[in-house]
């Protein structure tokens, strides 16, 4: 029993310190999307797969395992596309180079959609392992949000005035 407990502790420690690699060959799981709380697997079982992240105003932000041949527009498609609140003219790609320096590349989504009209300077970038894509945006307020805010403030003011009137009667 003592050896079994020791073996269990050693296995638990080794698995907790295991490093997550950004590149893998094939897929050991489901060949199509397998998701668990912000982790999406679109890997190709017969190709080299990389791990990238997409954050911000997309439908499904999180970490993705995708084939190495995927482009930025493919990743945005895997993420469910941008939300209504996204600023499509401000996509940012953060990349850590081999010499540990970081690079920031800015894109306009329209440039990615109309690739035939692009200048030679702007291209649909090939993603690399460890890349992080940020889709900027701002939260918009809709009519129901304004109504909710107004009703909340109004109810607080009514409650406060009732409290003042009850104190004044005493």
Protein backbone atom coordinates (compact mmCIF):
# COMPACT_ATOMS: atom_id res chain seq x y z
CA UNK A 1 0.00 0.00 0.00
CA UNK A 2 2.86 2.33 0.85
CA UNK A 3 4.49 1.75 -2.57
CA UNK A 4 1.18 2.27 -4.35
CA UNK A 5 0.72 5.62 -2.58
CA UNK A 6 4.31 6.63 -3.41
CA UNK A 7 3.80 5.67 -7.08
CA UNK A 8 0.55 7.69 -7.17
CA UNK A 9 2.29 10.78 -5.71
CA UNK A 10 5.16 10.51 -8.22
CA UNK A 11 2.75 10.23 -11.16
CA UNK A 12 0.70 13.18 -9.88
CA UNK A 13 3.80 15.37 -9.46
CA UNK A 14 5.17 14.47 -12.91
CA UNK A 15 1.88 15.18 -14.64
CA UNK A 16 1.44 18.52 -12.85
CA UNK A 17 4.88 19.71 -13.96
CA UNK A 18 4.53 18.51 -17.56
CA UNK A 19 5.07 21.31 -20.03
CA UNK A 20 2.48 22.04 -22.67
CA UNK A 21 4.16 22.07 -26.08
CA UNK A 22 3.08 24.46 -28.83
CA UNK A 23 3.65 21.94 -31.64
CA UNK A 24 2.32 18.43 -32.02
CA UNK A 25 2.16 15.93 -34.86
CA UNK A 26 -1.29 14.55 -35.58
CA UNK A 27 -4.00 14.37 -32.99
CA UNK A 28 -4.60 11.78 -30.32
CA UNK A 29 -8.22 12.77 -29.82
CA UNK A 30 -11.11 13.68 -32.06
CA UNK A 31 -10.20 14.69 -35.62
CA UNK A 32 -12.80 17.48 -35.52
CA UNK A 33 -13.55 20.15 -32.94
CA UNK A 34 -13.17 18.96 -29.37
CA UNK A 35 -13.68 21.72 -26.85
CA UNK A 36 -13.31 21.97 -23.12
CA UNK A 37 -13.77 25.43 -21.67
CA UNK A 38 -11.90 27.65 -24.10
CA UNK A 39 -9.70 24.91 -25.58
CA UNK A 40 -10.60 23.97 -29.15
CA UNK A 41 -9.04 21.17 -31.17
CA UNK A 42 -9.22 21.58 -34.96
CA UNK A 43 -6.08 19.52 -35.51
CA UNK A 44 -5.35 17.53 -38.65
CA UNK A 45 -4.35 13.95 -37.72
CA UNK A 46 -1.99 13.75 -40.69
CA UNK A 47 -0.26 17.13 -40.36
CA UNK A 48 1.86 19.13 -37.97
CA UNK A 49 -0.41 21.05 -35.62
CA UNK A 50 0.33 24.22 -33.67
CA UNK A 51 -1.22 25.83 -30.62
CA UNK A 52 -2.34 29.44 -30.93
CA UNK A 53 -4.69 31.72 -29.01
CA UNK A 54 -7.38 34.14 -30.10
CA UNK A 55 -8.79 36.65 -27.60
CA UNK A 56 -11.10 39.60 -27.62
CA UNK A 57 -14.30 40.18 -29.52
CA UNK A 58 -14.78 36.82 -31.26
CA UNK A 59 -17.57 34.32 -30.67
CA UNK A 60 -15.35 31.60 -29.14
CA UNK A 61 -12.14 33.05 -27.63
CA UNK A 62 -9.56 30.62 -26.29
CA UNK A 63 -6.64 28.37 -27.18
CA UNK A 64 -6.75 26.48 -30.47
CA UNK A 65 -4.89 23.48 -31.86
CA UNK A 66 -4.88 24.02 -35.62
CA UNK A 67 -2.94 22.69 -38.62
CA UNK A 68 0.31 24.49 -39.36
CA UNK A 69 -0.92 25.54 -42.80
CA UNK A 70 -3.77 27.64 -41.30
CA UNK A 71 -3.85 31.38 -41.91
CA UNK A 72 -5.11 34.21 -39.74
CA UNK A 73 -8.45 34.26 -41.54
CA UNK A 74 -8.80 30.50 -40.93
CA UNK A 75 -8.23 31.04 -37.21
CA UNK A 76 -10.86 33.79 -37.09
CA UNK A 77 -13.24 31.43 -38.84
CA UNK A 78 -12.53 28.66 -36.31
CA UNK A 79 -13.23 31.18 -33.53
CA UNK A 80 -16.74 31.79 -34.87
CA UNK A 81 -15.88 35.12 -36.46
CA UNK A 82 -15.84 38.58 -34.93
CA UNK A 83 -18.75 39.78 -32.80
CA UNK A 84 -20.83 42.86 -33.54
CA UNK A 85 -18.69 44.89 -31.12
CA UNK A 86 -15.35 44.09 -32.81
CA UNK A 87 -13.21 46.73 -34.48
CA UNK A 88 -12.33 44.93 -37.69
CA UNK A 89 -9.71 47.48 -38.62
CA UNK A 90 -7.60 46.65 -35.56
CA UNK A 91 -6.54 43.00 -35.49
CA UNK A 92 -3.28 42.40 -33.66
CA UNK A 93 -0.95 39.42 -33.88
CA UNK A 94 1.53 38.99 -31.02
CA UNK A 95 4.46 36.71 -31.81
CA UNK A 96 7.48 35.72 -29.76
CA UNK A 97 10.51 35.16 -31.95
CA UNK A 98 13.27 32.60 -31.40
CA UNK A 99 15.50 35.25 -29.78
CA UNK A 100 12.73 35.98 -27.18
CA UNK A 101 11.84 39.33 -28.69
CA UNK A 102 8.19 40.06 -29.24
CA UNK A 103 6.65 41.30 -32.45
CA UNK A 104 3.32 43.07 -32.92
CA UNK A 105 1.69 42.93 -36.34
CA UNK A 106 -1.47 44.98 -36.98
CA UNK A 107 -4.05 44.06 -39.63
CA UNK A 108 -7.26 45.30 -41.13
CA UNK A 109 -9.85 42.53 -41.59
CA UNK A 110 -10.94 44.02 -44.93
CA UNK A 111 -7.38 43.50 -46.14
CA UNK A 112 -7.71 39.82 -45.30
CA UNK A 113 -11.07 39.52 -47.05
CA UNK A 114 -10.03 41.23 -50.27
CA UNK A 115 -6.62 39.65 -50.73
CA UNK A 116 -6.54 40.29 -54.50
CA UNK A 117 -6.58 44.05 -53.88
CA UNK A 118 -3.77 44.02 -51.32
CA UNK A 119 -0.58 45.90 -51.71
CA UNK A 120 2.57 43.79 -51.71
CA UNK A 121 3.33 44.91 -48.14
CA UNK A 122 0.19 43.43 -46.56
CA UNK A 123 -0.26 39.68 -46.69
CA UNK A 124 -2.40 37.13 -44.93
CA UNK A 125 0.19 35.95 -42.37
CA UNK A 126 1.04 32.34 -41.78
CA UNK A 127 0.52 31.53 -38.15
CA UNK A 128 3.33 30.11 -36.04
CA UNK A 129 3.27 28.09 -32.83
CA UNK A 130 2.51 30.25 -29.80
CA UNK A 131 0.97 33.16 -31.74
CA UNK A 132 -1.74 35.17 -30.00
CA UNK A 133 -4.37 37.08 -31.97
CA UNK A 134 -6.27 39.95 -30.33
CA UNK A 135 -9.50 41.29 -31.82
CA UNK A 136 -10.11 44.75 -30.38
CA UNK A 137 -13.56 46.18 -29.77
CA UNK A 138 -15.77 48.16 -27.44
CA UNK A 139 -18.88 47.11 -25.64
CA UNK A 140 -21.96 48.71 -27.16
CA UNK A 141 -25.02 49.69 -25.19
CA UNK A 142 -28.36 48.75 -26.68
CA UNK A 143 -31.84 50.05 -25.83
CA UNK A 144 -32.42 47.31 -23.27
CA UNK A 145 -29.17 48.29 -21.53
CA UNK A 146 -30.29 51.92 -21.28
CA UNK A 147 -33.71 50.82 -19.94
CA UNK A 148 -32.05 48.55 -17.36
CA UNK A 149 -29.76 51.35 -16.18
CA UNK A 150 -32.63 53.85 -16.01
CA UNK A 151 -34.88 51.48 -14.04
CA UNK A 152 -32.06 50.64 -11.61
CA UNK A 153 -31.29 54.29 -10.87
CA UNK A 154 -34.97 55.18 -10.67
CA UNK A 155 -35.74 52.35 -8.24
CA UNK A 156 -32.80 53.37 -6.03
CA UNK A 157 -34.05 56.98 -5.97
CA UNK A 158 -37.62 55.88 -5.10
CA UNK A 159 -36.34 53.65 -2.29
CA UNK A 160 -34.21 56.47 -0.93
CA UNK A 161 -37.11 58.95 -1.03
CA UNK A 162 -39.41 56.46 0.79
CA UNK A 163 -36.74 56.01 3.46
CA UNK A 164 -36.42 59.81 3.90
CA UNK A 165 -40.21 60.20 4.13
CA UNK A 166 -40.46 57.46 6.78
CA UNK A 167 -37.68 59.06 8.84
CA UNK A 168 -39.33 62.50 8.51
CA UNK A 169 -42.70 61.15 9.83
CA UNK A 170 -41.13 59.99 13.09
